[in-house]
Protein backbone atom coordinates (compact mmCIF):
# COMPACT_ATOMS: atom_id res chain seq x y z
CA MET A 1 0.01 -0.04 -0.04
CA THR A 2 1.26 3.01 -0.67
CA MET A 3 1.04 6.33 1.32
CA PRO A 4 -1.35 9.20 0.46
CA VAL A 5 1.38 11.77 0.02
CA MET A 6 0.34 13.29 -3.15
CA GLU A 7 -2.99 14.35 -1.52
CA PRO A 8 -3.61 17.93 -0.30
CA ASP A 9 -3.81 18.97 3.39
CA LEU A 10 -1.63 16.17 4.41
CA ASP A 11 -0.29 16.86 8.46
CA ALA A 12 1.38 14.40 10.36
CA ARG A 13 -1.82 12.68 12.17
CA MET A 14 -3.11 11.38 8.97
CA LEU A 15 0.18 9.95 7.84
CA ARG A 16 0.70 8.52 11.12
CA ASP A 17 -2.84 6.85 10.89
CA TRP A 18 -2.34 5.39 7.58
CA ALA A 19 1.36 4.22 8.47
CA ARG A 20 -0.10 2.50 11.47
CA VAL A 21 -3.25 0.62 9.79
CA ILE A 22 -0.74 -0.59 7.02
CA ASP A 23 1.52 -1.62 9.56
CA GLU A 24 -1.01 -3.92 11.31
CA GLY A 25 -1.44 -5.57 8.26
CA PRO A 26 -2.36 -7.62 6.01
CA PHE A 27 0.09 -5.30 3.36
CA SER A 28 3.54 -6.74 2.62
CA SER A 29 5.04 -3.44 2.48
CA LEU A 30 4.42 0.57 2.71
CA CYS A 31 5.37 2.64 -0.12
CA TRP A 32 5.49 6.27 -1.05
CA GLY A 33 7.14 8.22 -4.56
CA GLU A 34 9.17 11.07 -4.64
CA ARG A 35 8.63 14.47 -6.55
CA ILE A 36 10.21 18.03 -5.85
CA ALA A 37 8.41 20.61 -7.47
CA PHE A 38 4.87 19.41 -5.56
CA ASP A 39 3.41 19.70 -1.97
CA ASN A 40 4.62 16.09 -0.67
CA PRO A 41 6.86 15.16 2.11
CA ASP A 42 10.44 14.74 1.55
CA SER A 43 11.02 11.33 0.65
CA LEU A 44 14.20 10.78 3.09
CA THR A 45 12.46 12.99 6.06
CA LEU A 46 9.02 10.87 5.77
CA LEU A 47 11.51 7.38 5.92
CA GLY A 48 12.45 8.73 9.52
CA ALA A 49 8.90 9.07 10.48
CA LEU A 50 8.13 5.72 8.66
CA ALA A 51 10.73 3.82 10.43
CA ALA A 52 9.46 5.15 14.07
CA TRP A 53 5.84 4.83 13.40
CA THR A 54 5.95 1.13 12.04
CA GLU A 55 7.82 -2.35 13.17
CA ARG A 56 7.08 -4.88 10.84
CA VAL A 57 5.95 -3.85 7.12
CA GLN A 58 8.78 -3.72 4.39
CA LEU A 59 9.30 0.58 3.65
CA VAL A 60 9.41 0.87 0.08
CA THR A 61 10.81 4.03 -1.94
CA THR A 62 8.60 3.93 -5.52
CA VAL A 63 10.92 6.04 -6.50
CA ILE A 64 13.74 7.97 -5.67
CA VAL A 65 15.57 9.92 -8.49
CA PRO A 66 19.56 9.31 -7.60
CA GLN A 67 20.32 12.30 -10.24
CA LEU A 68 18.44 14.95 -7.87
CA HIS A 69 20.46 14.23 -5.38
CA ASP A 70 24.09 14.19 -4.00
CA PRO A 71 24.70 10.39 -4.49
CA VAL A 72 26.76 10.41 -0.87
CA MET A 73 24.54 12.08 0.75
CA LEU A 74 21.65 9.94 -0.55
CA ALA A 75 23.49 6.93 0.86
CA LYS A 76 23.73 8.52 3.82
CA GLY A 77 20.14 9.20 4.54
CA LEU A 78 19.35 5.91 3.18
CA ALA A 79 21.50 3.80 4.90
CA THR A 80 20.33 5.94 8.27
CA GLY A 81 16.85 4.88 7.32
CA ASP A 82 17.81 1.60 7.09
CA VAL A 83 19.17 1.26 10.46
CA LEU A 84 16.33 3.21 11.93
CA CYS A 85 13.81 0.53 10.70
CA ASP A 86 16.18 -2.48 11.42
CA GLY A 87 16.69 -3.53 7.88
CA ARG A 88 13.46 -2.77 6.51
CA LEU A 89 14.11 -1.09 3.56
CA THR A 90 13.85 -1.18 0.00
CA VAL A 91 15.05 1.49 -2.16
CA GLY A 92 13.12 1.82 -5.58
CA ILE A 93 15.24 3.67 -8.66
CA GLY A 94 14.28 5.94 -11.34
CA VAL A 95 15.30 8.56 -13.88
CA GLY A 96 12.07 10.60 -12.93
CA GLY A 97 9.67 11.85 -15.64
CA ARG A 98 9.64 15.67 -15.23
CA HIS A 99 12.00 18.05 -15.94
CA GLU A 100 10.90 20.64 -13.65
CA ASP A 101 12.18 18.21 -10.35
CA TYR A 102 15.60 18.74 -12.15
CA HIS A 103 15.15 22.49 -12.75
CA ALA A 104 13.90 22.20 -9.44
CA VAL A 105 17.10 21.35 -7.28
CA GLY A 106 19.57 22.73 -10.17
CA ALA A 107 20.25 18.80 -11.88
CA ASP A 108 21.40 18.30 -14.95
CA PRO A 109 18.49 17.09 -17.32
CA SER A 110 21.22 15.44 -19.51
CA THR A 111 21.96 13.28 -16.53
CA GLN A 112 17.88 11.79 -16.85
CA THR A 113 19.27 8.79 -18.42
CA ARG A 114 20.00 5.12 -17.74
CA ARG A 115 23.83 5.66 -17.65
CA GLY A 116 23.11 8.72 -15.69
CA MET A 117 21.24 6.71 -13.16
CA ALA A 118 23.86 3.56 -13.27
CA GLU A 119 26.41 5.82 -12.13
CA ARG A 120 25.06 7.01 -9.21
CA VAL A 121 23.93 3.62 -7.82
CA GLU A 122 27.60 2.48 -8.53
CA ILE A 123 28.61 5.45 -5.85
CA MET A 124 25.85 4.49 -3.33
CA ARG A 125 26.81 0.55 -3.57
CA ARG A 126 30.35 1.83 -2.86
CA VAL A 127 29.19 4.36 0.38
CA TRP A 128 27.27 0.72 1.57
CA ALA A 129 30.77 -1.25 1.17
CA GLY A 130 32.71 1.05 3.24
CA GLU A 131 34.46 2.04 0.31
CA ARG A 132 36.35 5.64 0.74
CA VAL A 133 34.72 7.63 -2.08
CA THR A 134 35.49 11.28 -0.80
CA ASP A 135 38.89 12.82 0.48
CA SER A 136 37.93 11.56 4.40
CA VAL A 137 39.75 10.45 7.63
CA LEU A 138 36.50 7.54 7.63
CA PRO A 139 34.22 6.06 5.00
CA VAL A 140 30.83 8.13 4.97
CA GLY A 141 28.83 6.15 7.41
CA PRO A 142 26.82 4.42 8.72
CA ARG A 143 26.91 0.72 7.70
CA PRO A 144 23.24 0.06 6.57
CA ALA A 145 21.53 -2.79 8.73
CA ARG A 146 22.13 -5.44 5.81
CA ALA A 147 25.57 -6.14 4.43
CA GLY A 148 25.66 -4.11 0.61
CA GLY A 149 22.97 -2.01 1.52
CA PRO A 150 19.24 -2.44 0.91
CA PRO A 151 17.81 -4.12 -1.88
CA LEU A 152 17.62 -1.76 -5.28
CA HIS A 153 14.08 -2.21 -7.22
CA VAL A 154 14.48 -0.01 -10.72
CA GLY A 155 11.15 1.74 -11.36
CA THR A 156 10.22 1.67 -15.00
CA ILE A 157 7.74 0.59 -17.32
CA GLY A 158 10.96 0.66 -20.38
CA PRO A 159 12.47 -3.01 -21.93
CA LYS A 160 15.67 -1.32 -22.24
CA THR A 161 15.88 0.36 -19.13
CA VAL A 162 15.03 -3.33 -17.32
CA ARG A 163 17.71 -5.35 -19.42
CA ASP A 164 20.53 -2.49 -18.12
CA ALA A 165 19.26 -2.75 -14.68
CA ALA A 166 19.75 -6.36 -13.98
CA ALA A 167 23.60 -5.53 -13.51
CA TRP A 168 22.68 -3.21 -10.37
CA ALA A 169 19.12 -4.05 -9.53
CA ASP A 170 17.13 -6.94 -7.30
CA GLY A 171 14.05 -6.14 -8.86
CA VAL A 172 11.27 -4.28 -10.75
CA ALA A 173 9.00 -1.96 -9.42
CA GLY A 174 6.78 -0.71 -12.13
CA THR A 175 3.76 0.65 -13.04
CA THR A 176 0.65 -0.11 -15.22
CA LEU A 177 -1.88 2.98 -16.44
CA ASP A 178 -4.47 0.67 -17.60
CA LEU A 179 -4.02 -2.56 -15.78
CA ASP A 180 -3.18 -4.52 -19.39
CA VAL A 181 -2.20 -7.55 -17.64
CA GLY A 182 -0.87 -9.21 -20.98
CA LYS A 183 1.89 -6.06 -21.42
CA GLN A 184 2.90 -6.89 -17.75
CA ALA A 185 3.94 -10.60 -17.93
CA GLU A 186 5.73 -9.20 -21.20
CA LEU A 187 7.88 -7.23 -19.23
CA PHE A 188 8.28 -9.41 -16.35
CA ASP A 189 9.31 -12.19 -18.81
CA ILE A 190 12.17 -9.83 -20.30
CA ALA A 191 13.07 -8.79 -16.49
CA ARG A 192 13.32 -12.81 -15.87
CA VAL A 193 15.83 -13.45 -18.76
CA ALA A 194 17.98 -10.56 -18.33
CA TRP A 195 18.71 -11.16 -14.51
CA ALA A 196 19.15 -15.01 -16.00
CA GLN A 197 21.90 -13.32 -18.66
CA ALA A 198 23.34 -11.55 -15.37
CA GLY A 199 23.91 -15.18 -13.50
CA LYS A 200 21.51 -13.71 -10.90
CA PRO A 201 18.57 -14.86 -8.93
CA LYS A 202 15.47 -14.39 -10.34
CA PRO A 203 14.30 -10.81 -9.69
CA HIS A 204 11.49 -9.50 -7.12
CA LEU A 205 8.45 -8.30 -9.77
CA ALA A 206 6.13 -5.37 -8.56
CA THR A 207 3.75 -3.35 -10.37
CA SER A 208 1.74 -0.64 -9.30
CA PHE A 209 -1.84 1.30 -10.05
CA TRP A 210 -4.00 3.98 -8.90
CA PHE A 211 -7.32 2.50 -7.30
CA ALA A 212 -10.41 3.66 -5.73
CA ILE A 213 -13.44 1.39 -4.16
CA GLY A 214 -16.72 2.31 -4.55
CA GLN A 215 -19.51 2.45 -6.63
CA PRO A 216 -18.48 2.54 -10.35
CA GLU A 217 -18.82 6.42 -11.35
CA GLU A 218 -18.40 7.69 -7.90
CA ALA A 219 -15.12 5.85 -7.60
CA ARG A 220 -14.04 6.62 -11.30
CA THR A 221 -14.42 10.43 -10.51
CA GLN A 222 -12.13 9.79 -7.59
CA VAL A 223 -9.56 8.66 -9.50
CA HIS A 224 -10.08 11.58 -12.45
CA ARG A 225 -10.13 14.31 -9.35
CA HIS A 226 -6.30 12.72 -8.08
CA LEU A 227 -5.34 12.61 -11.86
CA ARG A 228 -5.80 15.79 -12.45
CA ARG A 229 -4.30 17.14 -9.36
CA TYR A 230 -1.09 14.80 -9.68
CA MET A 231 -0.49 14.95 -13.48
CA ASN A 232 -0.19 18.73 -13.19
CA TRP A 233 2.46 18.94 -15.73
CA ILE A 234 0.27 17.72 -18.43
CA PRO A 235 -2.33 19.96 -20.47
CA ALA A 236 -5.85 19.16 -18.73
CA GLU A 237 -7.33 18.29 -21.74
CA TYR A 238 -4.83 15.54 -22.19
CA VAL A 239 -5.62 14.14 -18.64
CA ASP A 240 -9.33 14.12 -19.17
CA ALA A 241 -8.49 11.61 -22.02
CA MET A 242 -6.92 9.44 -20.14
CA ALA A 243 -8.94 8.96 -16.93
CA PRO A 244 -11.43 7.05 -18.02
CA VAL A 245 -8.87 4.43 -18.96
CA THR A 246 -6.12 5.02 -16.10
CA GLY A 247 -6.04 3.23 -12.85
CA TRP A 248 -8.72 0.90 -11.62
CA ALA A 249 -11.90 1.82 -9.73
CA GLY A 250 -15.03 -0.35 -9.14
CA THR A 251 -16.13 -2.29 -6.09
CA GLU A 252 -13.80 -4.75 -3.53
CA GLU A 253 -14.90 -7.76 -5.03
CA ASP A 254 -14.00 -5.87 -8.91
CA LEU A 255 -10.18 -5.26 -6.77
CA LEU A 256 -10.13 -9.40 -5.69
CA GLU A 257 -10.14 -10.27 -9.54
CA VAL A 258 -7.67 -7.64 -10.82
CA LEU A 259 -5.47 -8.79 -7.98
CA GLY A 260 -6.08 -12.40 -8.99
CA LYS A 261 -5.00 -11.98 -12.52
CA PHE A 262 -1.88 -10.15 -11.55
CA ALA A 263 -1.24 -13.26 -9.07
CA GLY A 264 -1.10 -15.44 -11.83
CA ILE A 265 1.09 -13.70 -14.04
CA GLY A 266 3.59 -14.35 -11.02
CA THR A 267 3.59 -10.67 -9.85
CA ASP A 268 5.55 -10.71 -6.31
CA GLU A 269 3.87 -7.89 -5.24
CA ILE A 270 0.94 -4.78 -6.30
CA HIS A 271 1.76 -1.35 -4.78
CA LEU A 272 -1.50 0.18 -4.31
CA ILE A 273 -1.85 4.11 -4.59
CA PRO A 274 -4.35 5.39 -3.40
CA THR A 275 -6.84 8.65 -4.91
CA SER A 276 -7.74 9.44 -2.07
CA SER A 277 -6.21 10.48 1.58
CA ASP A 278 -9.28 8.86 3.17
CA VAL A 279 -8.24 6.05 5.84
CA GLY A 280 -11.60 3.99 4.84
CA GLN A 281 -10.25 3.41 1.27
CA LEU A 282 -7.37 1.73 3.25
CA ARG A 283 -9.66 -0.68 5.50
CA ARG A 284 -10.97 -1.29 2.59
CA ALA A 285 -8.31 -2.23 0.49
CA ALA A 286 -6.80 -4.44 3.52
CA GLU A 287 -9.95 -6.38 3.36
CA VAL A 288 -9.58 -7.03 -0.07
CA VAL A 289 -6.17 -8.08 0.21
CA SER A 290 -6.53 -10.23 3.49
CA GLU A 291 -9.56 -11.98 1.58
CA LEU A 292 -6.85 -13.01 -1.48
CA ALA A 293 -4.57 -13.91 1.47
CA ARG A 294 -7.16 -16.66 2.38
CA ILE A 295 -8.14 -17.62 -0.87
CA GLY A 296 -4.66 -18.61 -1.80
């Protein structure tokens, strides 16, 4: 389950309530995304709070863009978070889809590439291994809770990026706009082959989609409203055109069926993305996930 970090009017109580309900179960992971030119919380600051608010659930960044950060400081911040949550951190890494975030922090948009991402991942891995990557008396710490650092998942829907990431990633954290199970299966097959060719264990396979639970028309309106806010870098008329077929909206029974289809293609995790900060939506989704676990 993804935190509602892209919703308006967030406060500490709302975020804490969501974190604790997610941690109570039955969800396997608690996720949150990164934007800069938006009013969502800072990813690393939120990581510290989530480490304190939860005890069981895995914490997953979906995704952090390393080109928007100094890689040594990013490695230090993530290692700190990994220590604070006792090794429950998984880091989703991506190139990002918005130039405005690069401009907001003075990052070079020409680094918004697969190579730019991989170069920064290499630096982070060296920091986590205890190598001295700066001119300092001691290496940059702390050491992560796990040797080598937290697992890294590549956040992408592109086959080329998946193939390249087999050299450094432990899994895939993709997204599906239209919930096309066939296309997702093709991307997962590409990942399985790439990981095998790299001589690595099979990758962790995850994808995500927006959701709203309720009567179909009302739920679809909720998704549309969220997309209008979140996709503010896209002309509104384009968002309006894609909204009827983007994400998922429907009843609990419908959601159970959809999750079952993704399970059928070997999906290890679905990262559900809320389109409302209403904790009632979270609790309804929890009931669906519990039923899915019950029926296997």
